[in-house]
Amino acid sequence: MNIVEQIRQLCQEKNAIIMAHYYQRPEIQDVADFVGDSLALAQVAAKTNADIIVMCGVHFMAETAKILCPNKKVLIPAPEAGCSLADSCKATDLAAWKAAHPDHMVVSYVNTSAAVKALTDVVVTSSNALKIVKQLPEDKPILFGPDQNLGGYINRMTGRKMDLWNGGCHVHARFSEEGLLALKEQYPNAKVLAHPECKASILQHADVIGSTQALLNYAISHSSSERPISNSEASHSQYIVVTESGILHEMQKACPEVEFIAVPAVMDDLTICQCNECEYMRMNTLEKLYDCLRKESDEIIVNNKVAQDAIKPIQRMLEMS
């Protein structure tokens, strides 16, 4: 048997489910039982009957699964896979910020540690952040973190003035506006799909702004093989995609006749390169996945008190989504 067949056999023997984020390597996405964005992964984790959940993503995603499934074994093939955004906001720093603003509600992006979620009133994802913030009392001041780009986008769309944590995703923050404009000139008929973690200077050029799932859904709905969602909207054969390039694998599988173009990044020395992959997401490999399943190693453990406090804002999110 090849390694994929061995992985699938282990899943059957151990009643295990493999969950993979859209930013994973293509071969990880292809072997997974479920591929999705952060909201979908949380929803699947909450409903699965599997005894073992293997989270092919980054550490906070596995923590979230464990919080929602305290009686299940949650494994991560690459426990070293952190997140620049989650790491930008430590629980001790959030606690200090919260103490300095005692009248504020805390809204935290899902890209945070369990300890940060435990200090939060409601968790949001890029899929539901706008919807949830719109449901919150307009006269209630909000601390939003840790992604300042997503928070700024929500402020612009809602007219709110949430206080924003100074954090960001290193992949989305380094997309090149110059590179995007060059691609728009090269592909004048292409629609630009962008994730709200991007800077405002990028989002101003986007035709569609949304989570990875929303961008995928839009591409599928408007591909030439599908009927447009309304008579006034045309099918498209080219998309310029401004998010982590892992999503292009699923987009291409769903819309094989469509051309998807990844936007380059700008590095600290101002050079432009095709560095639009998250190195943390790509730490998961088939070999690590196989070893993780075989040994049932790298289990995620969350402190009971932290988990009890962290599940409340996650459940509130799921209820409001």
Protein backbone atom coordinates (compact mmCIF):
# COMPACT_ATOMS: atom_id res chain seq x y z
CA MET A 1 0.00 0.00 0.00
CA ASN A 2 1.11 3.55 -0.62
CA ILE A 3 1.13 6.10 2.18
CA VAL A 4 -2.31 7.49 1.32
CA GLU A 5 -3.83 4.01 1.47
CA GLN A 6 -2.08 3.36 4.79
CA ILE A 7 -3.44 6.62 6.22
CA ARG A 8 -6.97 5.77 5.15
CA GLN A 9 -6.67 2.28 6.61
CA LEU A 10 -5.52 3.69 9.94
CA CYS A 11 -8.49 6.06 9.96
CA GLN A 12 -10.86 3.14 9.47
CA GLU A 13 -9.18 1.02 12.15
CA LYS A 14 -9.10 3.81 14.71
CA ASN A 15 -12.38 5.56 13.87
CA ALA A 16 -10.40 8.69 13.11
CA ILE A 17 -11.35 11.69 11.00
CA ILE A 18 -8.82 13.89 9.20
CA MET A 19 -9.70 17.56 9.02
CA ALA A 20 -7.69 19.90 6.82
CA HIS A 21 -7.72 23.64 6.31
CA TYR A 22 -7.82 25.05 2.78
CA TYR A 23 -4.25 26.32 3.23
CA GLN A 24 -2.81 22.84 3.60
CA ARG A 25 -0.65 21.13 0.99
CA PRO A 26 -2.75 19.70 -1.89
CA GLU A 27 -1.90 16.10 -0.96
CA ILE A 28 -3.11 16.74 2.61
CA GLN A 29 -6.38 18.20 1.34
CA ASP A 30 -6.88 15.21 -0.95
CA VAL A 31 -6.43 12.61 1.81
CA ALA A 32 -8.63 14.43 4.35
CA ASP A 33 -12.19 13.48 5.25
CA PHE A 34 -13.16 17.12 5.42
CA VAL A 35 -11.57 20.30 4.02
CA GLY A 36 -12.79 23.71 5.09
CA ASP A 37 -12.15 27.10 6.67
CA SER A 38 -11.96 27.78 10.39
CA LEU A 39 -15.73 28.03 10.91
CA ALA A 40 -16.47 24.83 9.04
CA LEU A 41 -13.72 22.95 10.87
CA ALA A 42 -15.16 24.07 14.21
CA GLN A 43 -18.65 23.00 13.16
CA VAL A 44 -17.45 19.56 12.04
CA ALA A 45 -15.45 19.11 15.23
CA ALA A 46 -18.56 19.85 17.27
CA LYS A 47 -20.61 17.21 15.41
CA THR A 48 -18.23 14.37 14.61
CA ASN A 49 -18.72 10.89 16.04
CA ALA A 50 -15.09 9.96 15.46
CA ASP A 51 -12.97 8.86 18.41
CA ILE A 52 -9.89 10.64 17.07
CA ILE A 53 -9.69 14.00 15.31
CA VAL A 54 -6.52 14.70 13.36
CA MET A 55 -6.29 18.42 12.67
CA CYS A 56 -4.13 19.27 9.67
CA GLY A 57 -3.77 22.96 10.28
CA VAL A 58 -2.06 25.10 12.87
CA HIS A 59 -2.03 24.78 16.64
CA PHE A 60 -4.97 27.05 17.51
CA MET A 61 -7.22 25.03 15.19
CA ALA A 62 -6.40 21.82 17.02
CA GLU A 63 -6.99 23.59 20.35
CA THR A 64 -10.40 24.74 19.15
CA ALA A 65 -11.31 21.18 18.16
CA LYS A 66 -10.23 19.92 21.59
CA ILE A 67 -12.27 22.60 23.36
CA LEU A 68 -15.35 21.55 21.41
CA CYS A 69 -14.62 17.83 21.84
CA PRO A 70 -13.12 17.41 25.32
CA ASN A 71 -13.76 13.66 25.40
CA LYS A 72 -12.12 12.95 22.05
CA LYS A 73 -8.46 12.54 21.27
CA VAL A 74 -7.28 15.45 19.13
CA LEU A 75 -3.97 15.10 17.31
CA ILE A 76 -1.92 17.46 15.19
CA PRO A 77 0.72 16.07 12.80
CA ALA A 78 2.95 19.14 13.19
CA PRO A 79 2.70 20.45 16.77
CA GLU A 80 5.31 23.07 15.90
CA ALA A 81 2.88 24.68 13.44
CA GLY A 82 2.09 27.98 15.10
CA CYS A 83 0.42 31.08 13.68
CA SER A 84 1.90 34.56 13.36
CA LEU A 85 -1.50 36.10 14.03
CA ALA A 86 -2.28 34.02 17.12
CA ASP A 87 1.25 34.60 18.42
CA SER A 88 0.81 38.38 18.13
CA CYS A 89 -1.69 38.38 21.01
CA LYS A 90 -0.69 36.75 24.29
CA ALA A 91 -3.31 36.11 26.96
CA THR A 92 -1.45 38.24 29.49
CA ASP A 93 -1.40 41.18 27.07
CA LEU A 94 -5.08 40.80 26.25
CA ALA A 95 -5.90 40.64 29.96
CA ALA A 96 -4.09 43.96 30.48
CA TRP A 97 -5.88 45.55 27.51
CA LYS A 98 -9.19 44.28 28.81
CA ALA A 99 -8.49 45.60 32.31
CA ALA A 100 -7.75 49.03 30.87
CA HIS A 101 -11.15 49.05 29.13
CA PRO A 102 -13.55 47.47 31.67
CA ASP A 103 -16.67 48.69 29.86
CA HIS A 104 -15.72 47.06 26.55
CA MET A 105 -16.82 43.75 25.08
CA VAL A 106 -14.00 41.55 23.76
CA VAL A 107 -14.45 40.09 20.28
CA SER A 108 -11.60 37.77 19.28
CA TYR A 109 -10.81 36.31 15.89
CA VAL A 110 -10.66 32.52 15.94
CA ASN A 111 -6.93 32.75 15.13
CA THR A 112 -6.05 32.90 18.83
CA SER A 113 -4.90 30.56 21.57
CA ALA A 114 -7.32 28.84 23.93
CA ALA A 115 -6.12 31.14 26.71
CA VAL A 116 -7.10 34.22 24.69
CA LYS A 117 -10.47 32.72 23.82
CA ALA A 118 -11.03 32.19 27.55
CA LEU A 119 -10.85 35.99 28.02
CA THR A 120 -13.23 36.65 25.14
CA ASP A 121 -16.95 37.42 25.00
CA VAL A 122 -17.52 36.13 21.49
CA VAL A 123 -15.24 34.49 18.93
CA VAL A 124 -15.59 35.25 15.22
CA THR A 125 -14.17 33.88 11.98
CA SER A 126 -13.66 35.63 8.67
CA SER A 127 -16.84 33.87 7.51
CA ASN A 128 -19.09 35.31 10.20
CA ALA A 129 -17.32 38.34 11.71
CA LEU A 130 -19.47 40.94 9.93
CA LYS A 131 -22.68 39.09 10.71
CA ILE A 132 -21.86 38.71 14.39
CA VAL A 133 -20.60 42.25 14.97
CA LYS A 134 -23.77 43.60 13.35
CA GLN A 135 -25.78 41.69 15.99
CA LEU A 136 -23.93 43.25 18.93
CA PRO A 137 -25.45 46.30 20.68
CA GLU A 138 -24.48 49.46 18.83
CA ASP A 139 -23.84 51.34 22.06
CA LYS A 140 -21.45 48.70 23.41
CA PRO A 141 -17.75 49.54 22.84
CA ILE A 142 -15.70 46.67 21.50
CA LEU A 143 -12.11 45.52 21.75
CA PHE A 144 -11.33 43.53 18.60
CA GLY A 145 -8.26 41.43 18.10
CA PRO A 146 -5.85 40.33 17.05
CA ASP A 147 -6.21 41.04 13.29
CA GLN A 148 -6.25 44.79 12.72
CA ASN A 149 -6.92 44.39 8.99
CA LEU A 150 -10.04 42.29 9.55
CA GLY A 151 -11.10 44.66 12.34
CA GLY A 152 -10.57 47.68 10.10
CA TYR A 153 -12.63 46.07 7.36
CA ILE A 154 -15.48 45.43 9.83
CA ASN A 155 -15.29 49.02 11.06
CA ARG A 156 -15.53 50.33 7.50
CA MET A 157 -18.43 48.04 6.62
CA THR A 158 -20.45 48.65 9.79
CA GLY A 159 -19.50 52.21 10.73
CA ARG A 160 -18.40 51.00 14.16
CA LYS A 161 -15.30 52.27 15.90
CA MET A 162 -13.98 49.12 17.50
CA ASP A 163 -10.59 49.43 19.21
CA LEU A 164 -8.21 47.19 17.28
CA TRP A 165 -5.32 45.05 18.44
CA ASN A 166 -2.14 45.64 16.45
CA GLY A 167 -1.76 42.17 14.93
CA GLY A 168 -1.92 40.59 11.52
CA CYS A 169 -1.37 37.49 9.42
CA HIS A 170 2.11 37.66 7.94
CA VAL A 171 0.95 36.09 4.67
CA HIS A 172 -1.98 38.43 4.06
CA ALA A 173 -0.04 41.46 5.28
CA ARG A 174 2.72 41.05 2.70
CA PHE A 175 0.64 40.85 -0.48
CA SER A 176 1.96 43.37 -2.97
CA GLU A 177 -0.35 46.13 -4.20
CA GLU A 178 2.10 46.72 -7.03
CA GLY A 179 1.97 43.04 -7.95
CA LEU A 180 -1.84 43.03 -7.79
CA LEU A 181 -2.13 46.08 -10.05
CA ALA A 182 0.28 44.51 -12.54
CA LEU A 183 -1.87 41.39 -12.66
CA LYS A 184 -5.03 43.46 -13.12
CA GLU A 185 -3.39 45.11 -16.10
CA GLN A 186 -2.21 41.76 -17.47
CA TYR A 187 -5.65 40.13 -16.94
CA PRO A 188 -8.13 43.00 -17.46
CA ASN A 189 -11.18 40.71 -17.45
CA ALA A 190 -10.25 38.85 -14.27
CA LYS A 191 -12.19 39.38 -11.07
CA VAL A 192 -10.17 39.98 -7.89
CA LEU A 193 -11.06 37.78 -4.90
CA ALA A 194 -9.53 38.95 -1.61
CA HIS A 195 -9.54 37.85 2.02
CA PRO A 196 -10.42 40.53 4.62
CA GLU A 197 -7.14 39.86 6.46
CA CYS A 198 -5.48 41.80 3.63
CA LYS A 199 -4.58 45.47 4.04
CA ALA A 200 -7.09 48.13 3.03
CA SER A 201 -4.79 49.13 0.15
CA ILE A 202 -5.33 45.63 -1.29
CA LEU A 203 -9.04 45.37 -0.52
CA GLN A 204 -9.80 48.61 -2.36
CA HIS A 205 -9.00 46.79 -5.62
CA ALA A 206 -11.10 43.70 -4.87
CA ASP A 207 -14.32 42.76 -6.64
CA VAL A 208 -15.21 40.24 -3.93
CA ILE A 209 -14.07 40.24 -0.29
CA GLY A 210 -14.69 37.19 1.85
CA SER A 211 -13.39 34.19 3.74
CA THR A 212 -11.68 31.35 1.92
CA GLN A 213 -15.00 29.49 1.83
CA ALA A 214 -16.85 32.55 0.51
CA LEU A 215 -14.26 33.11 -2.21
CA LEU A 216 -14.46 29.46 -3.23
CA ASN A 217 -18.26 29.58 -3.29
CA TYR A 218 -18.21 32.71 -5.45
CA ALA A 219 -15.84 31.15 -7.96
CA ILE A 220 -18.00 28.01 -8.20
CA SER A 221 -21.22 30.03 -8.56
CA HIS A 222 -19.75 32.17 -11.33
CA SER A 223 -17.72 29.63 -13.27
CA SER A 224 -18.74 28.93 -16.85
CA SER A 225 -19.90 25.42 -15.88
CA GLU A 226 -22.41 26.79 -13.40
CA ARG A 227 -25.42 29.04 -13.87
CA PRO A 228 -24.73 32.59 -12.56
CA ILE A 229 -26.52 33.35 -9.34
CA SER A 230 -28.52 36.10 -11.06
CA ASN A 231 -29.19 37.10 -14.64
CA SER A 232 -27.27 40.33 -14.14
CA GLU A 233 -24.04 38.54 -13.21
CA ALA A 234 -21.84 36.95 -15.83
CA SER A 235 -19.67 33.86 -15.67
CA HIS A 236 -15.93 34.43 -15.26
CA SER A 237 -13.02 32.44 -16.61
CA GLN A 238 -10.19 34.18 -14.71
CA TYR A 239 -9.73 35.13 -11.07
CA ILE A 240 -6.91 36.93 -9.33
CA VAL A 241 -6.83 35.44 -5.83
CA VAL A 242 -5.45 37.40 -2.86
CA THR A 243 -5.21 34.90 -0.03
CA GLU A 244 -2.95 32.01 0.93
CA SER A 245 -2.42 30.04 -2.26
CA GLY A 246 -3.51 26.69 -0.78
CA ILE A 247 -7.12 27.55 -1.64
CA LEU A 248 -6.24 27.47 -5.35
CA HIS A 249 -6.10 23.67 -5.19
CA GLU A 250 -9.75 23.35 -4.21
CA MET A 251 -10.75 26.17 -6.57
CA GLN A 252 -9.08 24.43 -9.49
CA LYS A 253 -10.67 21.07 -8.59
CA ALA A 254 -14.11 22.67 -8.44
CA CYS A 255 -13.64 24.82 -11.54
CA PRO A 256 -11.14 23.07 -13.86
CA GLU A 257 -11.96 25.34 -16.79
CA VAL A 258 -11.18 28.53 -14.85
CA GLU A 259 -7.76 30.17 -14.51
CA PHE A 260 -6.79 31.18 -10.97
CA ILE A 261 -3.86 33.57 -10.56
CA ALA A 262 -2.05 33.96 -7.22
CA VAL A 263 -0.89 37.42 -6.20
CA PRO A 264 2.79 37.83 -5.29
CA ALA A 265 4.09 39.11 -1.97
CA VAL A 266 6.47 41.91 -1.09
CA MET A 267 9.25 41.02 1.33
CA ASP A 268 10.96 43.14 4.01
CA ASP A 269 13.66 44.17 1.54
CA LEU A 270 10.89 45.32 -0.85
CA THR A 271 11.58 42.55 -3.37
CA ILE A 272 8.50 40.95 -4.90
CA CYS A 273 8.27 37.16 -4.93
CA GLN A 274 5.74 34.34 -5.08
CA CYS A 275 5.88 33.93 -1.29
CA ASN A 276 2.15 33.56 -0.79
CA GLU A 277 2.22 30.31 1.19
CA CYS A 278 2.00 29.99 4.97
CA GLU A 279 5.06 28.06 6.07
CA TYR A 280 3.30 27.04 9.27
CA MET A 281 0.36 25.48 7.43
CA ARG A 282 2.79 23.63 5.16
CA MET A 283 4.55 21.97 8.11
CA ASN A 284 1.98 19.18 7.94
CA THR A 285 3.06 16.44 5.52
CA LEU A 286 1.74 13.00 4.58
CA GLU A 287 4.63 11.39 6.45
CA LYS A 288 3.88 13.35 9.64
CA LEU A 289 0.19 12.59 9.25
CA TYR A 290 0.87 8.87 8.94
CA ASP A 291 3.19 8.81 11.97
CA CYS A 292 0.72 10.88 14.00
CA LEU A 293 -2.10 8.43 13.29
CA ARG A 294 0.01 5.30 13.75
CA LYS A 295 1.46 6.40 17.08
CA GLU A 296 -1.50 8.56 18.17
CA SER A 297 1.14 11.09 19.06
CA ASP A 298 1.21 14.85 19.50
CA GLU A 299 -2.09 14.95 21.33
CA ILE A 300 -3.55 18.35 22.12
CA ILE A 301 -4.26 18.98 25.80
CA VAL A 302 -6.11 22.08 27.00
CA ASN A 303 -6.30 23.05 30.66
CA ASN A 304 -9.79 22.23 31.97
CA LYS A 305 -10.50 25.70 33.39
CA VAL A 306 -9.25 27.38 30.21
CA ALA A 307 -11.34 25.03 28.09
CA GLN A 308 -14.47 25.68 30.17
CA ASP A 309 -14.04 29.44 29.75
CA ALA A 310 -13.01 29.24 26.09
CA ILE A 311 -15.94 27.13 24.94
CA LYS A 312 -18.48 29.80 25.91
CA PRO A 313 -17.48 32.42 23.29
CA ILE A 314 -17.11 29.66 20.67
CA GLN A 315 -20.60 28.36 21.39
CA ARG A 316 -21.92 31.90 21.25
CA MET A 317 -20.31 32.26 17.83
CA LEU A 318 -21.91 29.05 16.58
CA GLU A 319 -25.30 30.17 17.91
CA MET A 320 -25.02 33.58 16.20
CA SER A 321 -23.64 32.29 12.88
